[in-house]
C-alpha atoms as a PDB file:
ATOM      1  CA  MET A   1     145.209 -69.916 -55.959  1.00  0.00           C
ATOM      2  CA  GLU A   2     143.988 -72.082 -52.882  1.00  0.00           C
ATOM      3  CA  LYS A   3     143.497 -76.058 -53.753  1.00  0.00           C
ATOM      4  CA  PRO A   4     139.875 -77.192 -54.758  1.00  0.00           C
ATOM      5  CA  PHE A   5     137.115 -79.474 -52.831  1.00  0.00           C
ATOM      6  CA  PHE A   6     135.493 -81.910 -54.902  1.00  0.00           C
ATOM      7  CA  LYS A   7     131.871 -83.524 -54.368  1.00  0.00           C
ATOM      8  CA  PRO A   8     129.605 -85.366 -56.376  1.00  0.00           C
ATOM      9  CA  ALA A   9     126.639 -84.542 -57.728  1.00  0.00           C
ATOM     10  CA  GLY A  10     124.345 -87.646 -58.312  1.00  0.00           C
ATOM     11  CA  ASP A  11     125.941 -90.020 -60.504  1.00  0.00           C
ATOM     12  CA  LEU A  12     126.724 -88.189 -63.561  1.00  0.00           C
ATOM     13  CA  ALA A  13     128.234 -84.775 -62.161  1.00  0.00           C
ATOM     14  CA  VAL A  14     131.614 -83.614 -59.686  1.00  0.00           C
ATOM     15  CA  ILE A  15     131.426 -80.010 -58.193  1.00  0.00           C
ATOM     16  CA  VAL A  16     134.683 -78.587 -57.904  1.00  0.00           C
ATOM     17  CA  GLU A  17     134.613 -75.875 -55.077  1.00  0.00           C
ATOM     18  CA  TRP A  18     136.443 -72.963 -53.390  1.00  0.00           C
ATOM     19  CA  LYS A  19     136.162 -72.392 -50.122  1.00  0.00           C
ATOM     20  CA  LEU A  20     136.631 -68.556 -50.966  1.00  0.00           C
ATOM     21  CA  PRO A  21     135.485 -65.610 -51.125  1.00  0.00           C
ATOM     22  CA  VAL A  22     133.435 -64.590 -54.268  1.00  0.00           C
ATOM     23  CA  THR A  23     135.425 -62.232 -56.243  1.00  0.00           C
ATOM     24  CA  PRO A  24     135.968 -61.529 -60.153  1.00  0.00           C
ATOM     25  CA  GLU A  25     139.504 -63.002 -59.636  1.00  0.00           C
ATOM     26  CA  LEU A  26     138.739 -66.143 -57.815  1.00  0.00           C
ATOM     27  CA  ASN A  27     135.785 -66.327 -61.151  1.00  0.00           C
ATOM     28  CA  ARG A  28     137.993 -65.664 -63.791  1.00  0.00           C
ATOM     29  CA  TYR A  29     140.427 -68.414 -62.335  1.00  0.00           C
ATOM     30  CA  ILE A  30     137.257 -70.968 -62.313  1.00  0.00           C
ATOM     31  CA  THR A  31     136.552 -69.986 -66.346  1.00  0.00           C
ATOM     32  CA  ASP A  32     140.548 -70.778 -66.954  1.00  0.00           C
ATOM     33  CA  LEU A  33     139.993 -74.310 -64.965  1.00  0.00           C
ATOM     34  CA  LYS A  34     136.564 -74.567 -67.755  1.00  0.00           C
ATOM     35  CA  PHE A  35     139.035 -73.294 -71.133  1.00  0.00           C
ATOM     36  CA  ARG A  36     141.517 -75.781 -70.210  1.00  0.00           C
ATOM     37  CA  LEU A  37     139.222 -78.984 -69.476  1.00  0.00           C
ATOM     38  CA  GLU A  38     137.618 -77.903 -73.515  1.00  0.00           C
ATOM     39  CA  LEU A  39     140.832 -78.277 -74.710  1.00  0.00           C
ATOM     40  CA  GLY A  40     142.043 -80.926 -72.664  1.00  0.00           C
ATOM     41  CA  GLU A  41     139.135 -82.898 -74.232  1.00  0.00           C
ATOM     42  CA  ILE A  42     138.985 -85.535 -71.714  1.00  0.00           C
ATOM     43  CA  PRO A  43     137.287 -88.129 -72.600  1.00  0.00           C
ATOM     44  CA  GLY A  44     133.542 -88.493 -70.939  1.00  0.00           C
ATOM     45  CA  ILE A  45     133.150 -84.816 -70.331  1.00  0.00           C
ATOM     46  CA  THR A  46     129.209 -83.926 -71.119  1.00  0.00           C
ATOM     47  CA  ASP A  47     128.853 -80.173 -70.148  1.00  0.00           C
ATOM     48  CA  ILE A  48     131.473 -78.007 -67.771  1.00  0.00           C
ATOM     49  CA  VAL A  49     129.100 -75.413 -65.677  1.00  0.00           C
ATOM     50  CA  PRO A  50     130.950 -72.421 -64.237  1.00  0.00           C
ATOM     51  CA  ALA A  51     129.217 -70.273 -61.165  1.00  0.00           C
ATOM     52  CA  TYR A  52     130.210 -67.972 -58.682  1.00  0.00           C
ATOM     53  CA  SER A  53     132.917 -70.029 -56.909  1.00  0.00           C
ATOM     54  CA  THR A  54     132.053 -73.731 -58.287  1.00  0.00           C
ATOM     55  CA  LEU A  55     132.672 -75.303 -61.291  1.00  0.00           C
ATOM     56  CA  MET A  56     129.917 -78.431 -62.243  1.00  0.00           C
ATOM     57  CA  VAL A  57     131.617 -81.116 -64.565  1.00  0.00           C
ATOM     58  CA  PHE A  58     129.486 -83.682 -66.228  1.00  0.00           C
ATOM     59  CA  TYR A  59     130.286 -86.837 -67.314  1.00  0.00           C
ATOM     60  CA  ASP A  60     129.705 -90.020 -68.390  1.00  0.00           C
ATOM     61  CA  PRO A  61     130.463 -92.670 -65.787  1.00  0.00           C
ATOM     62  CA  GLY A  62     130.861 -95.461 -68.683  1.00  0.00           C
ATOM     63  CA  VAL A  63     133.982 -93.212 -70.242  1.00  0.00           C
ATOM     64  CA  ILE A  64     135.959 -92.382 -66.745  1.00  0.00           C
ATOM     65  CA  GLU A  65     135.325 -93.057 -63.269  1.00  0.00           C
ATOM     66  CA  TYR A  66     134.185 -90.594 -60.809  1.00  0.00           C
ATOM     67  CA  SER A  67     138.277 -90.932 -59.584  1.00  0.00           C
ATOM     68  CA  LEU A  68     139.533 -90.566 -62.755  1.00  0.00           C
ATOM     69  CA  LEU A  69     137.539 -87.609 -63.484  1.00  0.00           C
ATOM     70  CA  ILE A  70     139.188 -85.918 -60.192  1.00  0.00           C
ATOM     71  CA  GLU A  71     142.386 -86.640 -60.915  1.00  0.00           C
ATOM     72  CA  GLU A  72     142.056 -85.189 -64.581  1.00  0.00           C
ATOM     73  CA  ILE A  73     140.820 -82.078 -63.365  1.00  0.00           C
ATOM     74  CA  SER A  74     143.526 -81.810 -60.564  1.00  0.00           C
ATOM     75  CA  ARG A  75     146.206 -81.995 -63.440  1.00  0.00           C
ATOM     76  CA  LEU A  76     144.700 -79.600 -65.281  1.00  0.00           C
ATOM     77  CA  LEU A  77     144.581 -76.951 -62.161  1.00  0.00           C
ATOM     78  CA  PRO A  78     145.510 -73.962 -64.119  1.00  0.00           C
ATOM     79  CA  ARG A  79     148.876 -72.257 -61.715  1.00  0.00           C
ATOM     80  CA  GLU A  80     148.379 -69.115 -63.598  1.00  0.00           C
ATOM     81  CA  GLN A  81     146.019 -67.729 -66.064  1.00  0.00           C
ATOM     82  CA  SER A  82     146.034 -69.128 -69.166  1.00  0.00           C
ATOM     83  CA  ASP A  83     145.812 -67.887 -72.724  1.00  0.00           C
ATOM     84  CA  ARG A  84     141.877 -67.658 -72.264  1.00  0.00           C
ATOM     85  CA  ARG A  85     142.200 -64.141 -72.630  1.00  0.00           C
ATOM     86  CA  LYS A  86     143.925 -64.237 -75.938  1.00  0.00           C
ATOM     87  CA  ILE A  87     140.368 -66.006 -77.517  1.00  0.00           C
ATOM     88  CA  HIS A  88     138.222 -65.081 -75.675  1.00  0.00           C
ATOM     89  CA  ARG A  89     138.080 -61.277 -74.803  1.00  0.00           C
ATOM     90  CA  ASN A  90     135.916 -60.180 -72.384  1.00  0.00           C
ATOM     91  CA  LYS A  91     134.058 -57.272 -72.878  1.00  0.00           C
ATOM     92  CA  THR A  92     132.080 -54.189 -71.659  1.00  0.00           C
ATOM     93  CA  VAL A  93     128.629 -54.034 -72.599  1.00  0.00           C
ATOM     94  CA  ILE A  94     126.072 -51.052 -71.826  1.00  0.00           C
ATOM     95  CA  ILE A  95     122.175 -51.676 -71.589  1.00  0.00           C
ATOM     96  CA  PRO A  96     119.845 -49.343 -71.859  1.00  0.00           C
ATOM     97  CA  VAL A  97     117.094 -49.685 -68.968  1.00  0.00           C
ATOM     98  CA  PHE A  98     113.541 -47.983 -68.446  1.00  0.00           C
ATOM     99  CA  TYR A  99     113.239 -47.526 -65.297  1.00  0.00           C
ATOM    100  CA  GLY A 100     110.286 -47.676 -62.962  1.00  0.00           C
ATOM    101  CA  GLY A 101     106.801 -47.588 -64.058  1.00  0.00           C
ATOM    102  CA  GLU A 102     104.824 -50.529 -66.012  1.00  0.00           C
ATOM    103  CA  TYR A 103     108.776 -51.801 -67.018  1.00  0.00           C
ATOM    104  CA  GLY A 104     109.905 -51.331 -63.166  1.00  0.00           C
ATOM    105  CA  PRO A 105     107.286 -51.995 -60.792  1.00  0.00           C
ATOM    106  CA  ASP A 106     108.904 -52.798 -57.850  1.00  0.00           C
ATOM    107  CA  LEU A 107     111.261 -50.009 -57.890  1.00  0.00           C
ATOM    108  CA  GLU A 108     108.575 -47.238 -55.501  1.00  0.00           C
ATOM    109  CA  TYR A 109     108.887 -50.797 -53.338  1.00  0.00           C
ATOM    110  CA  ILE A 110     112.656 -50.478 -52.649  1.00  0.00           C
ATOM    111  CA  ALA A 111     112.613 -46.679 -52.637  1.00  0.00           C
ATOM    112  CA  ALA A 112     110.230 -46.902 -49.724  1.00  0.00           C
ATOM    113  CA  ALA A 113     111.795 -50.098 -48.282  1.00  0.00           C
ATOM    114  CA  LYS A 114     115.280 -48.084 -48.159  1.00  0.00           C
ATOM    115  CA  ASN A 115     113.887 -44.569 -47.407  1.00  0.00           C
ATOM    116  CA  MET A 116     115.594 -42.650 -50.312  1.00  0.00           C
ATOM    117  CA  SER A 117     113.364 -41.753 -53.689  1.00  0.00           C
ATOM    118  CA  VAL A 118     113.105 -43.594 -56.328  1.00  0.00           C
ATOM    119  CA  GLU A 119     115.780 -41.649 -58.580  1.00  0.00           C
ATOM    120  CA  ASP A 120     118.467 -42.750 -55.888  1.00  0.00           C
ATOM    121  CA  VAL A 121     117.698 -46.327 -56.038  1.00  0.00           C
ATOM    122  CA  VAL A 122     118.469 -45.875 -60.201  1.00  0.00           C
ATOM    123  CA  LYS A 123     121.636 -43.780 -59.609  1.00  0.00           C
ATOM    124  CA  MET A 124     122.595 -46.188 -57.467  1.00  0.00           C
ATOM    125  CA  HIS A 125     121.935 -49.282 -59.839  1.00  0.00           C
ATOM    126  CA  CYS A 126     123.386 -47.526 -62.452  1.00  0.00           C
ATOM    127  CA  GLY A 127     126.808 -46.553 -60.349  1.00  0.00           C
ATOM    128  CA  SER A 128     128.204 -49.115 -60.948  1.00  0.00           C
ATOM    129  CA  VAL A 129     130.097 -51.456 -63.443  1.00  0.00           C
ATOM    130  CA  TYR A 130     128.791 -55.335 -63.070  1.00  0.00           C
ATOM    131  CA  TYR A 131     130.679 -58.260 -63.297  1.00  0.00           C
ATOM    132  CA  VAL A 132     128.988 -61.398 -65.135  1.00  0.00           C
ATOM    133  CA  TYR A 133     129.728 -64.162 -62.472  1.00  0.00           C
ATOM    134  CA  MET A 134     127.166 -66.330 -64.212  1.00  0.00           C
ATOM    135  CA  ILE A 135     124.912 -67.702 -66.861  1.00  0.00           C
ATOM    136  CA  GLY A 136     122.164 -69.705 -65.679  1.00  0.00           C
ATOM    137  CA  PHE A 137     118.667 -69.738 -64.714  1.00  0.00           C
ATOM    138  CA  LEU A 138     117.305 -68.955 -68.152  1.00  0.00           C
ATOM    139  CA  PRO A 139     119.195 -69.260 -71.453  1.00  0.00           C
ATOM    140  CA  GLY A 140     121.327 -65.808 -71.733  1.00  0.00           C
ATOM    141  CA  PHE A 141     119.955 -65.114 -68.176  1.00  0.00           C
ATOM    142  CA  PRO A 142     123.406 -63.038 -66.143  1.00  0.00           C
ATOM    143  CA  TYR A 143     124.073 -62.993 -62.860  1.00  0.00           C
ATOM    144  CA  LEU A 144     125.567 -59.681 -61.669  1.00  0.00           C
ATOM    145  CA  GLY A 145     127.769 -58.379 -58.855  1.00  0.00           C
ATOM    146  CA  PHE A 146     127.436 -56.612 -56.778  1.00  0.00           C
ATOM    147  CA  VAL A 147     124.743 -54.115 -56.373  1.00  0.00           C
ATOM    148  CA  ASP A 148     125.688 -50.942 -53.705  1.00  0.00           C
ATOM    149  CA  GLU A 149     124.857 -52.777 -49.942  1.00  0.00           C
ATOM    150  CA  ARG A 150     122.281 -49.888 -49.735  1.00  0.00           C
ATOM    151  CA  ILE A 151     119.613 -50.877 -52.456  1.00  0.00           C
ATOM    152  CA  SER A 152     120.191 -54.659 -51.616  1.00  0.00           C
ATOM    153  CA  VAL A 153     116.629 -55.992 -50.895  1.00  0.00           C
ATOM    154  CA  GLY A 154     115.302 -60.238 -50.428  1.00  0.00           C
ATOM    155  CA  ARG A 155     113.320 -61.704 -53.205  1.00  0.00           C
ATOM    156  CA  ARG A 156     109.772 -61.295 -53.729  1.00  0.00           C
ATOM    157  CA  SER A 157     107.549 -63.144 -51.376  1.00  0.00           C
ATOM    158  CA  ASP A 158     105.172 -64.056 -54.064  1.00  0.00           C
ATOM    159  CA  PRO A 159     107.029 -64.454 -56.971  1.00  0.00           C
ATOM    160  CA  ARG A 160     105.264 -63.248 -60.513  1.00  0.00           C
ATOM    161  CA  GLN A 161     103.726 -65.956 -62.459  1.00  0.00           C
ATOM    162  CA  MET A 162     104.847 -64.249 -66.053  1.00  0.00           C
ATOM    163  CA  VAL A 163     107.903 -61.503 -65.546  1.00  0.00           C
ATOM    164  CA  PRO A 164     108.992 -59.975 -69.234  1.00  0.00           C
ATOM    165  CA  ALA A 165     111.858 -60.218 -71.009  1.00  0.00           C
ATOM    166  CA  GLY A 166     114.715 -57.683 -70.278  1.00  0.00           C
ATOM    167  CA  SER A 167     113.304 -57.259 -66.676  1.00  0.00           C
ATOM    168  CA  VAL A 168     116.079 -55.600 -64.763  1.00  0.00           C
ATOM    169  CA  GLY A 169     115.767 -57.328 -60.862  1.00  0.00           C
ATOM    170  CA  ILE A 170     117.761 -57.607 -57.590  1.00  0.00           C
ATOM    171  CA  ALA A 171     117.987 -60.004 -55.699  1.00  0.00           C
ATOM    172  CA  GLY A 172     120.131 -59.796 -52.338  1.00  0.00           C
ATOM    173  CA  ARG A 173     123.315 -58.333 -53.593  1.00  0.00           C
ATOM    174  CA  GLN A 174     122.728 -59.200 -57.773  1.00  0.00           C
ATOM    175  CA  THR A 175     121.256 -57.724 -60.398  1.00  0.00           C
ATOM    176  CA  GLY A 176     120.093 -59.360 -63.457  1.00  0.00           C
ATOM    177  CA  ILE A 177     117.694 -59.584 -66.356  1.00  0.00           C
ATOM    178  CA  TYR A 178     115.328 -62.674 -67.786  1.00  0.00           C
ATOM    179  CA  SER A 179     116.243 -63.232 -70.811  1.00  0.00           C
ATOM    180  CA  ILE A 180     113.417 -64.662 -71.817  1.00  0.00           C
ATOM    181  CA  SER A 181     109.745 -64.042 -70.467  1.00  0.00           C
ATOM    182  CA  SER A 182     109.237 -66.434 -66.833  1.00  0.00           C
ATOM    183  CA  PRO A 183     107.813 -66.787 -63.571  1.00  0.00           C
ATOM    184  CA  GLY A 184     110.304 -64.840 -61.610  1.00  0.00           C
ATOM    185  CA  GLY A 185     110.677 -63.625 -57.455  1.00  0.00           C
ATOM    186  CA  TRP A 186     113.335 -60.607 -58.253  1.00  0.00           C
ATOM    187  CA  GLN A 187     112.660 -57.049 -57.543  1.00  0.00           C
ATOM    188  CA  ILE A 188     112.086 -55.699 -61.037  1.00  0.00           C
ATOM    189  CA  ILE A 189     113.019 -52.014 -61.376  1.00  0.00           C
ATOM    190  CA  GLY A 190     113.621 -51.882 -64.749  1.00  0.00           C
ATOM    191  CA  ARG A 191     113.195 -53.311 -68.526  1.00  0.00           C
ATOM    192  CA  THR A 192     115.618 -52.860 -71.320  1.00  0.00           C
ATOM    193  CA  PRO A 193     114.337 -53.625 -75.303  1.00  0.00           C
ATOM    194  CA  VAL A 194     117.751 -55.500 -76.052  1.00  0.00           C
ATOM    195  CA  LYS A 195     118.012 -59.082 -76.206  1.00  0.00           C
ATOM    196  CA  LEU A 196     119.757 -61.324 -74.482  1.00  0.00           C
ATOM    197  CA  PHE A 197     119.116 -64.496 -75.965  1.00  0.00           C
ATOM    198  CA  LYS A 198     118.794 -65.082 -80.228  1.00  0.00           C
ATOM    199  CA  ALA A 199     116.617 -68.742 -80.163  1.00  0.00           C
ATOM    200  CA  GLU A 200     116.797 -68.745 -83.805  1.00  0.00           C
ATOM    201  CA  ASN A 201     120.944 -68.996 -83.678  1.00  0.00           C
ATOM    202  CA  ASN A 202     121.566 -70.082 -80.161  1.00  0.00           C
ATOM    203  CA  GLU A 203     123.256 -66.889 -79.856  1.00  0.00           C
ATOM    204  CA  PHE A 204     124.096 -64.911 -76.176  1.00  0.00           C
ATOM    205  CA  LEU A 205     124.901 -61.478 -75.617  1.00  0.00           C
ATOM    206  CA  LEU A 206     126.508 -61.957 -72.455  1.00  0.00           C
ATOM    207  CA  SER A 207     129.385 -64.604 -70.864  1.00  0.00           C
ATOM    208  CA  VAL A 208     130.974 -65.064 -67.861  1.00  0.00           C
ATOM    209  CA  GLY A 209     133.363 -61.920 -67.288  1.00  0.00           C
ATOM    210  CA  ASP A 210     131.824 -59.926 -69.108  1.00  0.00           C
ATOM    211  CA  LYS A 211     130.899 -56.433 -67.723  1.00  0.00           C
ATOM    212  CA  VAL A 212     127.735 -54.418 -67.735  1.00  0.00           C
ATOM    213  CA  ILE A 213     126.729 -50.975 -67.341  1.00  0.00           C
ATOM    214  CA  PHE A 214     123.005 -49.932 -66.865  1.00  0.00           C
ATOM    215  CA  LYS A 215     121.989 -46.674 -68.826  1.00  0.00           C
ATOM    216  CA  PRO A 216     118.908 -45.302 -67.990  1.00  0.00           C
ATOM    217  CA  VAL A 217     116.856 -43.898 -70.668  1.00  0.00           C
ATOM    218  CA  GLY A 218     115.864 -40.677 -71.327  1.00  0.00           C
ATOM    219  CA  ASP A 219     111.718 -39.573 -70.947  1.00  0.00           C
ATOM    220  CA  LYS A 220     111.912 -38.780 -74.572  1.00  0.00           C
ATOM    221  CA  VAL A 221     112.833 -42.019 -75.463  1.00  0.00           C
ATOM    222  CA  LYS A 222     110.444 -44.395 -76.484  1.00  0.00           C
ATOM    223  CA  PHE A 223     110.494 -48.543 -75.699  1.00  0.00           C
ATOM    224  CA  SER A 224     109.757 -49.285 -78.824  1.00  0.00           C
ATOM    225  CA  ASP A 225     112.629 -46.684 -80.357  1.00  0.00           C
ATOM    226  CA  ILE A 226     115.283 -48.897 -79.743  1.00  0.00           C
ATOM    227  CA  ASP A 227     116.612 -51.852 -81.650  1.00  0.00           C
ATOM    228  CA  PRO A 228     116.625 -55.046 -79.830  1.00  0.00           C
ATOM    229  CA  GLU A 229     119.023 -56.964 -81.930  1.00  0.00           C
ATOM    230  CA  CYS A 230     121.188 -53.835 -81.970  1.00  0.00           C
ATOM    231  CA  TRP A 231     123.815 -55.811 -80.467  1.00  0.00           C
ATOM    232  CA  GLY A 232     126.702 -54.176 -81.912  1.00  0.00           C
ATOM    233  CA  ASP A 233     125.612 -50.551 -80.887  1.00  0.00           C
ATOM    234  CA  LEU A 234     125.742 -51.683 -77.379  1.00  0.00           C
ATOM    235  CA  TYR A 235     129.389 -52.552 -76.939  1.00  0.00           C
ATOM    236  CA  GLY A 236     131.572 -50.609 -74.744  1.00  0.00           C
ATOM    237  CA  ASN A 237     135.877 -51.411 -74.890  1.00  0.00           C
ATOM    238  CA  SER A 238     136.948 -55.147 -75.288  1.00  0.00           C
ATOM    239  CA  GLU A 239     138.980 -55.719 -72.474  1.00  0.00           C
ATOM    240  CA  GLY A 240     141.343 -58.782 -71.417  1.00  0.00           C
ATOM    241  CA  ASP A 241     140.259 -58.548 -67.612  1.00  0.00           C
END
């Protein structure tokens, strides 16, 4: 893996960035580094946030200087994949989705814009296994890649003041799930009853490195028929990659 670039992000954070195409392999390397930094217990580090091709490390400059932090991060760069997978096994999660109608108000717009049927858009969206590249924006909101280029579409020009929790959207070649109700500008194509974030115990359904499969719900199933707490029933096979 090529060495990263370092740049300050204000006075309390450093961005570790790789000038490489976004791939699951790069993202796994970044999460490996996060794991090594956590195990290293470097004094002064207050938080570590992985993203598509970057790792943001927050620190207390009263405890560790910027230059020394860079040295410590460089020292812990993985030469090969660490034992993270032995402790944090990634999983594949199947997410049931009610597409279109009141649950997916932008589905017909995407179909018309792409000159295809609603059924084809749903089929393409469900036809990929998505990798969780990062969690952000909202607690538990997964950024998933990548949707088929044929249904890639930009964000709305007029963001909604409120998008319901569980809404499944597309923005560019990303797809994601609103973990809580929030303003947002993604194109909404469906909604899942499944909770992604349980605030009462700060528990998250998905983690970076997991995989997601979207499954359309049949016409005979009602939104209220699916238990939003049924995390255990949604897991597919656990895997180490």
